[in-house]
Amino acid sequence: MKKPFEFINLTPHAIVLHDGEFINATFEPSGSVARVSTEVKAVDGFFYRRKFGEVINLPEPKENVFYIVSAMVKSAVKGRKDVVAPATDAEGVIRNDKGHIVSVPGFIFEEE
């Protein structure tokens, strides 16, 4: 029998999925946040240079586990089939009156 898969939310926000009519699932933050390390150096006056580094706090792959991360982290780990990001720019995203995302229709699984 195949083990059901699980999602672990490695963002600081609850991620809410919907099917267009009903809320299907809410993934609460796990308490650990995956991030891309950055190095920022002053260049001149108001100008800075930023260099992106390694991804931190992203566990190794586990069977039947998907890690929910930010789009930036997802982009930094291309090829990891166990890492997904909320589809915040997909058709069907629901926003509140202030423009903040309330729920998304799914996850970005692969990038081109």
PDB file of N, CA and C in Angstrom:
ATOM      1  N   MET A   1       0.842  -1.186   0.000  1.00  0.00           N
ATOM      2  CA  MET A   1       0.000   0.000   0.000  1.00  0.00           C
ATOM      3  C   MET A   1       0.883   1.245   0.000  1.00  0.00           C
ATOM      4  N   LYS A   2       0.558   2.186  -0.844  1.00  0.00           N
ATOM      5  CA  LYS A   2       1.353   3.400  -0.979  1.00  0.00           C
ATOM      6  C   LYS A   2       1.046   4.359   0.179  1.00  0.00           C
ATOM      7  N   LYS A   3       2.109   4.875   0.790  1.00  0.00           N
ATOM      8  CA  LYS A   3       1.961   5.819   1.889  1.00  0.00           C
ATOM      9  C   LYS A   3       1.453   7.157   1.352  1.00  0.00           C
ATOM     10  N   PRO A   4       0.468   7.796   2.019  1.00  0.00           N
ATOM     11  CA  PRO A   4       0.010   9.121   1.558  1.00  0.00           C
ATOM     12  C   PRO A   4       1.129  10.150   1.720  1.00  0.00           C
ATOM     13  N   PHE A   5       1.101  11.154   0.869  1.00  0.00           N
ATOM     14  CA  PHE A   5       2.142  12.172   0.967  1.00  0.00           C
ATOM     15  C   PHE A   5       1.749  13.232   1.984  1.00  0.00           C
ATOM     16  N   GLU A   6       2.759  13.958   2.450  1.00  0.00           N
ATOM     17  CA  GLU A   6       2.527  15.029   3.417  1.00  0.00           C
ATOM     18  C   GLU A   6       3.235  16.291   2.948  1.00  0.00           C
ATOM     19  N   PHE A   7       2.718  17.434   3.386  1.00  0.00           N
ATOM     20  CA  PHE A   7       3.318  18.730   3.091  1.00  0.00           C
ATOM     21  C   PHE A   7       3.857  19.323   4.378  1.00  0.00           C
ATOM     22  N   ILE A   8       5.072  19.876   4.324  1.00  0.00           N
ATOM     23  CA  ILE A   8       5.659  20.590   5.456  1.00  0.00           C
ATOM     24  C   ILE A   8       5.893  22.016   5.000  1.00  0.00           C
ATOM     25  N   ASN A   9       5.268  22.961   5.678  1.00  0.00           N
ATOM     26  CA  ASN A   9       5.330  24.369   5.310  1.00  0.00           C
ATOM     27  C   ASN A   9       6.569  25.016   5.919  1.00  0.00           C
ATOM     28  N   LEU A  10       7.535  25.342   5.075  1.00  0.00           N
ATOM     29  CA  LEU A  10       8.774  25.984   5.511  1.00  0.00           C
ATOM     30  C   LEU A  10       8.770  27.479   5.206  1.00  0.00           C
ATOM     31  N   THR A  11       7.564  28.094   5.240  1.00  0.00           N
ATOM     32  CA  THR A  11       7.434  29.547   5.120  1.00  0.00           C
ATOM     33  C   THR A  11       6.921  30.066   6.461  1.00  0.00           C
ATOM     34  N   PRO A  12       6.998  31.373   6.692  1.00  0.00           N
ATOM     35  CA  PRO A  12       6.502  31.910   7.968  1.00  0.00           C
ATOM     36  C   PRO A  12       4.990  32.170   7.975  1.00  0.00           C
ATOM     37  N   HIS A  13       4.289  31.829   6.872  1.00  0.00           N
ATOM     38  CA  HIS A  13       2.863  32.128   6.745  1.00  0.00           C
ATOM     39  C   HIS A  13       2.055  30.861   6.531  1.00  0.00           C
ATOM     40  N   ALA A  14       0.805  30.874   6.971  1.00  0.00           N
ATOM     41  CA  ALA A  14      -0.102  29.779   6.630  1.00  0.00           C
ATOM     42  C   ALA A  14      -0.350  29.841   5.128  1.00  0.00           C
ATOM     43  N   ILE A  15      -0.372  28.690   4.487  1.00  0.00           N
ATOM     44  CA  ILE A  15      -0.652  28.605   3.054  1.00  0.00           C
ATOM     45  C   ILE A  15      -2.030  27.966   2.907  1.00  0.00           C
ATOM     46  N   VAL A  16      -2.933  28.689   2.236  1.00  0.00           N
ATOM     47  CA  VAL A  16      -4.307  28.227   2.062  1.00  0.00           C
ATOM     48  C   VAL A  16      -4.533  27.918   0.581  1.00  0.00           C
ATOM     49  N   LEU A  17      -5.008  26.698   0.314  1.00  0.00           N
ATOM     50  CA  LEU A  17      -5.345  26.277  -1.048  1.00  0.00           C
ATOM     51  C   LEU A  17      -6.852  26.291  -1.214  1.00  0.00           C
ATOM     52  N   HIS A  18      -7.302  26.600  -2.424  1.00  0.00           N
ATOM     53  CA  HIS A  18      -8.736  26.554  -2.730  1.00  0.00           C
ATOM     54  C   HIS A  18      -8.939  25.980  -4.125  1.00  0.00           C
ATOM     55  N   ASP A  19     -10.148  25.563  -4.397  1.00  0.00           N
ATOM     56  CA  ASP A  19     -10.473  25.010  -5.714  1.00  0.00           C
ATOM     57  C   ASP A  19     -11.337  25.958  -6.536  1.00  0.00           C
ATOM     58  N   GLY A  20     -11.409  27.203  -6.129  1.00  0.00           N
ATOM     59  CA  GLY A  20     -12.229  28.182  -6.824  1.00  0.00           C
ATOM     60  C   GLY A  20     -13.538  28.465  -6.126  1.00  0.00           C
ATOM     61  N   GLU A  21     -14.012  27.525  -5.346  1.00  0.00           N
ATOM     62  CA  GLU A  21     -15.264  27.708  -4.613  1.00  0.00           C
ATOM     63  C   GLU A  21     -15.093  27.518  -3.117  1.00  0.00           C
ATOM     64  N   PHE A  22     -14.313  26.531  -2.752  1.00  0.00           N
ATOM     65  CA  PHE A  22     -14.173  26.187  -1.340  1.00  0.00           C
ATOM     66  C   PHE A  22     -12.698  26.144  -0.953  1.00  0.00           C
ATOM     67  N   ILE A  23     -12.431  26.416   0.306  1.00  0.00           N
ATOM     68  CA  ILE A  23     -11.066  26.235   0.811  1.00  0.00           C
ATOM     69  C   ILE A  23     -10.855  24.738   0.978  1.00  0.00           C
ATOM     70  N   ASN A  24      -9.774  24.225   0.410  1.00  0.00           N
ATOM     71  CA  ASN A  24      -9.506  22.788   0.465  1.00  0.00           C
ATOM     72  C   ASN A  24      -8.564  22.407   1.604  1.00  0.00           C
ATOM     73  N   ALA A  25      -7.551  23.229   1.844  1.00  0.00           N
ATOM     74  CA  ALA A  25      -6.551  22.861   2.846  1.00  0.00           C
ATOM     75  C   ALA A  25      -5.788  24.087   3.310  1.00  0.00           C
ATOM     76  N   THR A  26      -5.409  24.063   4.567  1.00  0.00           N
ATOM     77  CA  THR A  26      -4.540  25.092   5.136  1.00  0.00           C
ATOM     78  C   THR A  26      -3.312  24.400   5.702  1.00  0.00           C
ATOM     79  N   PHE A  27      -2.136  24.907   5.330  1.00  0.00           N
ATOM     80  CA  PHE A  27      -0.871  24.369   5.818  1.00  0.00           C
ATOM     81  C   PHE A  27      -0.246  25.412   6.737  1.00  0.00           C
ATOM     82  N   GLU A  28      -0.245  25.145   8.010  1.00  0.00           N
ATOM     83  CA  GLU A  28       0.320  26.075   8.997  1.00  0.00           C
ATOM     84  C   GLU A  28       1.840  26.028   8.936  1.00  0.00           C
ATOM     85  N   PRO A  29       2.510  27.125   9.316  1.00  0.00           N
ATOM     86  CA  PRO A  29       3.978  27.116   9.343  1.00  0.00           C
ATOM     87  C   PRO A  29       4.498  26.025  10.273  1.00  0.00           C
ATOM     88  N   SER A  30       5.583  25.396   9.884  1.00  0.00           N
ATOM     89  CA  SER A  30       6.156  24.306  10.684  1.00  0.00           C
ATOM     90  C   SER A  30       7.011  24.819  11.837  1.00  0.00           C
ATOM     91  N   GLY A  31       7.385  26.103  11.786  1.00  0.00           N
ATOM     92  CA  GLY A  31       8.289  26.653  12.797  1.00  0.00           C
ATOM     93  C   GLY A  31       9.708  26.795  12.274  1.00  0.00           C
ATOM     94  N   SER A  32      10.000  26.154  11.166  1.00  0.00           N
ATOM     95  CA  SER A  32      11.301  26.285  10.511  1.00  0.00           C
ATOM     96  C   SER A  32      11.063  26.974   9.178  1.00  0.00           C
ATOM     97  N   VAL A  33      11.931  27.925   8.818  1.00  0.00           N
ATOM     98  CA  VAL A  33      11.764  28.677   7.574  1.00  0.00           C
ATOM     99  C   VAL A  33      12.986  28.454   6.692  1.00  0.00           C
ATOM    100  N   ALA A  34      12.742  27.952   5.468  1.00  0.00           N
ATOM    101  CA  ALA A  34      13.821  27.805   4.486  1.00  0.00           C
ATOM    102  C   ALA A  34      14.044  29.161   3.827  1.00  0.00           C
ATOM    103  N   ARG A  35      15.293  29.549   3.701  1.00  0.00           N
ATOM    104  CA  ARG A  35      15.635  30.847   3.111  1.00  0.00           C
ATOM    105  C   ARG A  35      16.864  30.709   2.224  1.00  0.00           C
ATOM    106  N   VAL A  36      17.048  31.705   1.380  1.00  0.00           N
ATOM    107  CA  VAL A  36      18.276  31.812   0.598  1.00  0.00           C
ATOM    108  C   VAL A  36      19.149  32.825   1.328  1.00  0.00           C
ATOM    109  N   SER A  37      20.366  32.424   1.662  1.00  0.00           N
ATOM    110  CA  SER A  37      21.262  33.346   2.356  1.00  0.00           C
ATOM    111  C   SER A  37      21.647  34.483   1.410  1.00  0.00           C
ATOM    112  N   THR A  38      21.887  35.647   1.983  1.00  0.00           N
ATOM    113  CA  THR A  38      22.279  36.804   1.175  1.00  0.00           C
ATOM    114  C   THR A  38      23.453  37.514   1.815  1.00  0.00           C
ATOM    115  N   GLU A  39      24.216  38.163   0.966  1.00  0.00           N
ATOM    116  CA  GLU A  39      25.316  39.009   1.407  1.00  0.00           C
ATOM    117  C   GLU A  39      25.101  40.370   0.756  1.00  0.00           C
ATOM    118  N   VAL A  40      25.032  41.415   1.562  1.00  0.00           N
ATOM    119  CA  VAL A  40      24.789  42.764   1.049  1.00  0.00           C
ATOM    120  C   VAL A  40      25.984  43.640   1.388  1.00  0.00           C
ATOM    121  N   LYS A  41      26.487  44.346   0.369  1.00  0.00           N
ATOM    122  CA  LYS A  41      27.633  45.241   0.570  1.00  0.00           C
ATOM    123  C   LYS A  41      27.298  46.619   0.029  1.00  0.00           C
ATOM    124  N   ALA A  42      27.691  47.649   0.763  1.00  0.00           N
ATOM    125  CA  ALA A  42      27.511  49.019   0.292  1.00  0.00           C
ATOM    126  C   ALA A  42      28.449  49.252  -0.889  1.00  0.00           C
ATOM    127  N   VAL A  43      27.923  49.929  -1.919  1.00  0.00           N
ATOM    128  CA  VAL A  43      28.718  50.235  -3.106  1.00  0.00           C
ATOM    129  C   VAL A  43      29.055  51.716  -3.118  1.00  0.00           C
ATOM    130  N   ASP A  44      28.002  52.553  -3.061  1.00  0.00           N
ATOM    131  CA  ASP A  44      28.222  53.996  -3.105  1.00  0.00           C
ATOM    132  C   ASP A  44      26.933  54.686  -2.697  1.00  0.00           C
ATOM    133  N   GLY A  45      26.996  55.499  -1.646  1.00  0.00           N
ATOM    134  CA  GLY A  45      25.820  56.247  -1.216  1.00  0.00           C
ATOM    135  C   GLY A  45      24.654  55.344  -0.880  1.00  0.00           C
ATOM    136  N   PHE A  46      23.572  55.471  -1.652  1.00  0.00           N
ATOM    137  CA  PHE A  46      22.377  54.675  -1.424  1.00  0.00           C
ATOM    138  C   PHE A  46      22.380  53.340  -2.161  1.00  0.00           C
ATOM    139  N   PHE A  47      23.456  53.015  -2.824  1.00  0.00           N
ATOM    140  CA  PHE A  47      23.494  51.820  -3.659  1.00  0.00           C
ATOM    141  C   PHE A  47      24.212  50.670  -2.964  1.00  0.00           C
ATOM    142  N   TYR A  48      23.615  49.485  -3.097  1.00  0.00           N
ATOM    143  CA  TYR A  48      24.148  48.267  -2.493  1.00  0.00           C
ATOM    144  C   TYR A  48      24.194  47.163  -3.531  1.00  0.00           C
ATOM    145  N   ARG A  49      25.041  46.201  -3.286  1.00  0.00           N
ATOM    146  CA  ARG A  49      25.132  45.018  -4.140  1.00  0.00           C
ATOM    147  C   ARG A  49      24.717  43.823  -3.281  1.00  0.00           C
ATOM    148  N   ARG A  50      23.834  42.998  -3.855  1.00  0.00           N
ATOM    149  CA  ARG A  50      23.369  41.817  -3.126  1.00  0.00           C
ATOM    150  C   ARG A  50      23.807  40.565  -3.877  1.00  0.00           C
ATOM    151  N   LYS A  51      24.300  39.597  -3.122  1.00  0.00           N
ATOM    152  CA  LYS A  51      24.702  38.315  -3.680  1.00  0.00           C
ATOM    153  C   LYS A  51      23.933  37.221  -2.952  1.00  0.00           C
ATOM    154  N   PHE A  52      23.267  36.372  -3.735  1.00  0.00           N
ATOM    155  CA  PHE A  52      22.526  35.266  -3.142  1.00  0.00           C
ATOM    156  C   PHE A  52      23.450  34.082  -2.957  1.00  0.00           C
ATOM    157  N   GLY A  53      23.245  33.377  -1.854  1.00  0.00           N
ATOM    158  CA  GLY A  53      24.088  32.232  -1.529  1.00  0.00           C
ATOM    159  C   GLY A  53      23.310  30.938  -1.494  1.00  0.00           C
ATOM    160  N   GLU A  54      23.618  30.142  -0.500  1.00  0.00           N
ATOM    161  CA  GLU A  54      23.023  28.818  -0.362  1.00  0.00           C
ATOM    162  C   GLU A  54      21.660  28.879   0.303  1.00  0.00           C
ATOM    163  N   VAL A  55      20.895  27.833   0.078  1.00  0.00           N
ATOM    164  CA  VAL A  55      19.613  27.680   0.750  1.00  0.00           C
ATOM    165  C   VAL A  55      19.882  27.112   2.139  1.00  0.00           C
ATOM    166  N   ILE A  56      19.245  27.713   3.138  1.00  0.00           N
ATOM    167  CA  ILE A  56      19.408  27.232   4.513  1.00  0.00           C
ATOM    168  C   ILE A  56      18.062  26.737   5.043  1.00  0.00           C
ATOM    169  N   ASN A  57      18.110  25.792   5.947  1.00  0.00           N
ATOM    170  CA  ASN A  57      16.942  25.204   6.617  1.00  0.00           C
ATOM    171  C   ASN A  57      16.019  24.418   5.698  1.00  0.00           C
ATOM    172  N   LEU A  58      16.567  23.858   4.628  1.00  0.00           N
ATOM    173  CA  LEU A  58      15.783  22.981   3.763  1.00  0.00           C
ATOM    174  C   LEU A  58      16.255  21.547   4.014  1.00  0.00           C
ATOM    175  N   PRO A  59      15.379  20.707   4.573  1.00  0.00           N
ATOM    176  CA  PRO A  59      15.781  19.326   4.858  1.00  0.00           C
ATOM    177  C   PRO A  59      16.092  18.534   3.591  1.00  0.00           C
ATOM    178  N   GLU A  60      16.793  17.456   3.777  1.00  0.00           N
ATOM    179  CA  GLU A  60      17.050  16.522   2.680  1.00  0.00           C
ATOM    180  C   GLU A  60      15.715  15.889   2.271  1.00  0.00           C
ATOM    181  N   PRO A  61      15.626  15.425   1.015  1.00  0.00           N
ATOM    182  CA  PRO A  61      14.380  14.791   0.570  1.00  0.00           C
ATOM    183  C   PRO A  61      14.014  13.589   1.439  1.00  0.00           C
ATOM    184  N   LYS A  62      12.699  13.422   1.645  1.00  0.00           N
ATOM    185  CA  LYS A  62      12.146  12.258   2.336  1.00  0.00           C
ATOM    186  C   LYS A  62      11.043  11.690   1.449  1.00  0.00           C
ATOM    187  N   GLU A  63      10.896  10.406   1.490  1.00  0.00           N
ATOM    188  CA  GLU A  63       9.865   9.766   0.687  1.00  0.00           C
ATOM    189  C   GLU A  63       8.477  10.283   1.062  1.00  0.00           C
ATOM    190  N   ASN A  64       7.694  10.647   0.052  1.00  0.00           N
ATOM    191  CA  ASN A  64       6.298  11.088   0.204  1.00  0.00           C
ATOM    192  C   ASN A  64       6.133  12.398   0.975  1.00  0.00           C
ATOM    193  N   VAL A  65       7.195  13.219   1.037  1.00  0.00           N
ATOM    194  CA  VAL A  65       7.123  14.520   1.715  1.00  0.00           C
ATOM    195  C   VAL A  65       7.410  15.623   0.700  1.00  0.00           C
ATOM    196  N   PHE A  66       6.538  16.641   0.692  1.00  0.00           N
ATOM    197  CA  PHE A  66       6.747  17.842  -0.109  1.00  0.00           C
ATOM    198  C   PHE A  66       6.999  19.003   0.832  1.00  0.00           C
ATOM    199  N   TYR A  67       8.013  19.819   0.526  1.00  0.00           N
ATOM    200  CA  TYR A  67       8.335  20.993   1.326  1.00  0.00           C
ATOM    201  C   TYR A  67       7.790  22.228   0.622  1.00  0.00           C
ATOM    202  N   ILE A  68       6.968  23.006   1.324  1.00  0.00           N
ATOM    203  CA  ILE A  68       6.428  24.261   0.797  1.00  0.00           C
ATOM    204  C   ILE A  68       7.412  25.359   1.164  1.00  0.00           C
ATOM    205  N   VAL A  69       7.899  26.079   0.143  1.00  0.00           N
ATOM    206  CA  VAL A  69       8.900  27.125   0.351  1.00  0.00           C
ATOM    207  C   VAL A  69       8.508  28.368  -0.443  1.00  0.00           C
ATOM    208  N   SER A  70       9.249  29.445  -0.268  1.00  0.00           N
ATOM    209  CA  SER A  70       9.025  30.660  -1.060  1.00  0.00           C
ATOM    210  C   SER A  70       9.455  30.423  -2.505  1.00  0.00           C
ATOM    211  N   ALA A  71       8.988  31.286  -3.399  1.00  0.00           N
ATOM    212  CA  ALA A  71       9.383  31.194  -4.808  1.00  0.00           C
ATOM    213  C   ALA A  71      10.892  31.362  -4.960  1.00  0.00           C
ATOM    214  N   MET A  72      11.498  32.200  -4.135  1.00  0.00           N
ATOM    215  CA  MET A  72      12.943  32.418  -4.219  1.00  0.00           C
ATOM    216  C   MET A  72      13.703  31.136  -3.869  1.00  0.00           C
ATOM    217  N   VAL A  73      13.281  30.466  -2.814  1.00  0.00           N
ATOM    218  CA  VAL A  73      13.932  29.205  -2.441  1.00  0.00           C
ATOM    219  C   VAL A  73      13.707  28.171  -3.536  1.00  0.00           C
ATOM    220  N   LYS A  74      12.479  28.080  -4.051  1.00  0.00           N
ATOM    221  CA  LYS A  74      12.167  27.118  -5.114  1.00  0.00           C
ATOM    222  C   LYS A  74      13.084  27.332  -6.317  1.00  0.00           C
ATOM    223  N   SER A  75      13.299  28.584  -6.696  1.00  0.00           N
ATOM    224  CA  SER A  75      14.175  28.897  -7.829  1.00  0.00           C
ATOM    225  C   SER A  75      15.627  28.512  -7.569  1.00  0.00           C
ATOM    226  N   ALA A  76      16.032  28.539  -6.319  1.00  0.00           N
ATOM    227  CA  ALA A  76      17.426  28.243  -5.963  1.00  0.00           C
ATOM    228  C   ALA A  76      17.707  26.740  -5.905  1.00  0.00           C
ATOM    229  N   VAL A  77      16.664  25.919  -5.888  1.00  0.00           N
ATOM    230  CA  VAL A  77      16.865  24.464  -5.790  1.00  0.00           C
ATOM    231  C   VAL A  77      16.203  23.741  -6.967  1.00  0.00           C
ATOM    232  N   LYS A  78      16.409  24.267  -8.160  1.00  0.00           N
ATOM    233  CA  LYS A  78      15.837  23.621  -9.352  1.00  0.00           C
ATOM    234  C   LYS A  78      16.256  22.162  -9.392  1.00  0.00           C
ATOM    235  N   GLY A  79      15.323  21.338  -9.772  1.00  0.00           N
ATOM    236  CA  GLY A  79      15.614  19.910  -9.852  1.00  0.00           C
ATOM    237  C   GLY A  79      15.108  19.123  -8.662  1.00  0.00           C
ATOM    238  N   ARG A  80      14.845  19.791  -7.546  1.00  0.00           N
ATOM    239  CA  ARG A  80      14.288  19.084  -6.391  1.00  0.00           C
ATOM    240  C   ARG A  80      12.794  18.899  -6.610  1.00  0.00           C
ATOM    241  N   LYS A  81      12.371  17.682  -6.833  1.00  0.00           N
ATOM    242  CA  LYS A  81      10.962  17.368  -7.096  1.00  0.00           C
ATOM    243  C   LYS A  81      10.112  17.392  -5.841  1.00  0.00           C
ATOM    244  N   ASP A  82      10.738  17.498  -4.666  1.00  0.00           N
ATOM    245  CA  ASP A  82      10.010  17.499  -3.399  1.00  0.00           C
ATOM    246  C   ASP A  82       9.788  18.905  -2.855  1.00  0.00           C
ATOM    247  N   VAL A  83      10.144  19.928  -3.623  1.00  0.00           N
ATOM    248  CA  VAL A  83      10.042  21.317  -3.188  1.00  0.00           C
ATOM    249  C   VAL A  83       9.021  22.033  -4.065  1.00  0.00           C
ATOM    250  N   VAL A  84       8.021  22.655  -3.420  1.00  0.00           N
ATOM    251  CA  VAL A  84       6.974  23.381  -4.138  1.00  0.00           C
ATOM    252  C   VAL A  84       6.825  24.771  -3.538  1.00  0.00           C
ATOM    253  N   ALA A  85       6.264  25.695  -4.339  1.00  0.00           N
ATOM    254  CA  ALA A  85       6.027  27.062  -3.869  1.00  0.00           C
ATOM    255  C   ALA A  85       4.571  27.421  -4.166  1.00  0.00           C
ATOM    256  N   PRO A  86       3.951  28.246  -3.326  1.00  0.00           N
ATOM    257  CA  PRO A  86       2.579  28.681  -3.608  1.00  0.00           C
ATOM    258  C   PRO A  86       2.507  29.373  -4.969  1.00  0.00           C
ATOM    259  N   ALA A  87       1.470  29.070  -5.731  1.00  0.00           N
ATOM    260  CA  ALA A  87       1.290  29.653  -7.061  1.00  0.00           C
ATOM    261  C   ALA A  87       0.664  31.040  -6.922  1.00  0.00           C
ATOM    262  N   THR A  88       1.457  31.988  -6.419  1.00  0.00           N
ATOM    263  CA  THR A  88       0.954  33.327  -6.094  1.00  0.00           C
ATOM    264  C   THR A  88       0.670  34.194  -7.309  1.00  0.00           C
ATOM    265  N   ASP A  89       1.152  33.789  -8.480  1.00  0.00           N
ATOM    266  CA  ASP A  89       0.892  34.570  -9.689  1.00  0.00           C
ATOM    267  C   ASP A  89       0.008  33.820 -10.684  1.00  0.00           C
ATOM    268  N   ALA A  90      -0.619  32.744 -10.237  1.00  0.00           N
ATOM    269  CA  ALA A  90      -1.502  31.960 -11.101  1.00  0.00           C
ATOM    270  C   ALA A  90      -2.896  32.575 -11.163  1.00  0.00           C
ATOM    271  N   GLU A  91      -3.604  32.265 -12.219  1.00  0.00           N
ATOM    272  CA  GLU A  91      -4.997  32.687 -12.323  1.00  0.00           C
ATOM    273  C   GLU A  91      -5.775  32.032 -11.185  1.00  0.00           C
ATOM    274  N   GLY A  92      -6.620  32.803 -10.534  1.00  0.00           N
ATOM    275  CA  GLY A  92      -7.440  32.262  -9.458  1.00  0.00           C
ATOM    276  C   GLY A  92      -6.946  32.578  -8.061  1.00  0.00           C
ATOM    277  N   VAL A  93      -5.848  33.315  -7.950  1.00  0.00           N
ATOM    278  CA  VAL A  93      -5.379  33.729  -6.621  1.00  0.00           C
ATOM    279  C   VAL A  93      -6.440  34.641  -6.011  1.00  0.00           C
ATOM    280  N   ILE A  94      -6.739  34.437  -4.745  1.00  0.00           N
ATOM    281  CA  ILE A  94      -7.724  35.267  -4.044  1.00  0.00           C
ATOM    282  C   ILE A  94      -6.976  36.245  -3.146  1.00  0.00           C
ATOM    283  N   ARG A  95      -7.333  37.530  -3.262  1.00  0.00           N
ATOM    284  CA  ARG A  95      -6.709  38.598  -2.467  1.00  0.00           C
ATOM    285  C   ARG A  95      -7.773  39.302  -1.629  1.00  0.00           C
ATOM    286  N   ASN A  96      -7.339  39.881  -0.508  1.00  0.00           N
ATOM    287  CA  ASN A  96      -8.266  40.661   0.308  1.00  0.00           C
ATOM    288  C   ASN A  96      -8.335  42.092  -0.215  1.00  0.00           C
ATOM    289  N   ASP A  97      -9.084  42.955   0.465  1.00  0.00           N
ATOM    290  CA  ASP A  97      -9.277  44.331  -0.009  1.00  0.00           C
ATOM    291  C   ASP A  97      -7.998  45.163   0.031  1.00  0.00           C
ATOM    292  N   LYS A  98      -6.966  44.695   0.714  1.00  0.00           N
ATOM    293  CA  LYS A  98      -5.677  45.400   0.744  1.00  0.00           C
ATOM    294  C   LYS A  98      -4.696  44.837  -0.279  1.00  0.00           C
ATOM    295  N   GLY A  99      -5.128  43.824  -1.028  1.00  0.00           N
ATOM    296  CA  GLY A  99      -4.273  43.230  -2.041  1.00  0.00           C
ATOM    297  C   GLY A  99      -3.404  42.088  -1.554  1.00  0.00           C
ATOM    298  N   HIS A 100      -3.538  41.721  -0.271  1.00  0.00           N
ATOM    299  CA  HIS A 100      -2.746  40.611   0.269  1.00  0.00           C
ATOM    300  C   HIS A 100      -3.350  39.281  -0.164  1.00  0.00           C
ATOM    301  N   ILE A 101      -2.512  38.328  -0.446  1.00  0.00           N
ATOM    302  CA  ILE A 101      -2.987  37.009  -0.872  1.00  0.00           C
ATOM    303  C   ILE A 101      -3.640  36.293   0.301  1.00  0.00           C
ATOM    304  N   VAL A 102      -4.847  35.780   0.049  1.00  0.00           N
ATOM    305  CA  VAL A 102      -5.612  35.022   1.040  1.00  0.00           C
ATOM    306  C   VAL A 102      -5.476  33.523   0.772  1.00  0.00           C
ATOM    307  N   SER A 103      -5.566  33.138  -0.513  1.00  0.00           N
ATOM    308  CA  SER A 103      -5.400  31.729  -0.865  1.00  0.00           C
ATOM    309  C   SER A 103      -4.939  31.604  -2.315  1.00  0.00           C
ATOM    310  N   VAL A 104      -4.363  30.444  -2.600  1.00  0.00           N
ATOM    311  CA  VAL A 104      -3.832  30.167  -3.937  1.00  0.00           C
ATOM    312  C   VAL A 104      -4.501  28.899  -4.482  1.00  0.00           C
ATOM    313  N   PRO A 105      -4.527  28.757  -5.820  1.00  0.00           N
ATOM    314  CA  PRO A 105      -5.168  27.567  -6.395  1.00  0.00           C
ATOM    315  C   PRO A 105      -4.294  26.325  -6.423  1.00  0.00           C
ATOM    316  N   GLY A 106      -3.025  26.462  -6.068  1.00  0.00           N
ATOM    317  CA  GLY A 106      -2.147  25.299  -6.093  1.00  0.00           C
ATOM    318  C   GLY A 106      -0.694  25.675  -5.855  1.00  0.00           C
ATOM    319  N   PHE A 107       0.185  24.763  -6.225  1.00  0.00           N
ATOM    320  CA  PHE A 107       1.621  24.928  -6.012  1.00  0.00           C
ATOM    321  C   PHE A 107       2.384  24.905  -7.332  1.00  0.00           C
ATOM    322  N   ILE A 108       3.483  25.659  -7.385  1.00  0.00           N
ATOM    323  CA  ILE A 108       4.434  25.563  -8.486  1.00  0.00           C
ATOM    324  C   ILE A 108       5.293  24.342  -8.199  1.00  0.00           C
ATOM    325  N   PHE A 109       5.267  23.400  -9.128  1.00  0.00           N
ATOM    326  CA  PHE A 109       6.001  22.141  -8.961  1.00  0.00           C
ATOM    327  C   PHE A 109       7.290  22.162  -9.779  1.00  0.00           C
ATOM    328  N   GLU A 110       7.205  22.686 -11.000  1.00  0.00           N
ATOM    329  CA  GLU A 110       8.367  22.770 -11.871  1.00  0.00           C
ATOM    330  C   GLU A 110       8.433  24.157 -12.485  1.00  0.00           C
ATOM    331  N   GLU A 111       9.645  24.578 -12.790  1.00  0.00           N
ATOM    332  CA  GLU A 111       9.855  25.848 -13.465  1.00  0.00           C
ATOM    333  C   GLU A 111      10.548  25.589 -14.791  1.00  0.00           C
ATOM    334  N   GLU A 112      10.235  26.430 -15.775  1.00  0.00           N
ATOM    335  CA  GLU A 112      10.875  26.290 -17.088  1.00  0.00           C
ATOM    336  C   GLU A 112      12.095  27.163 -17.165  1.00  0.00           C
TER     337      GLU A 112
END
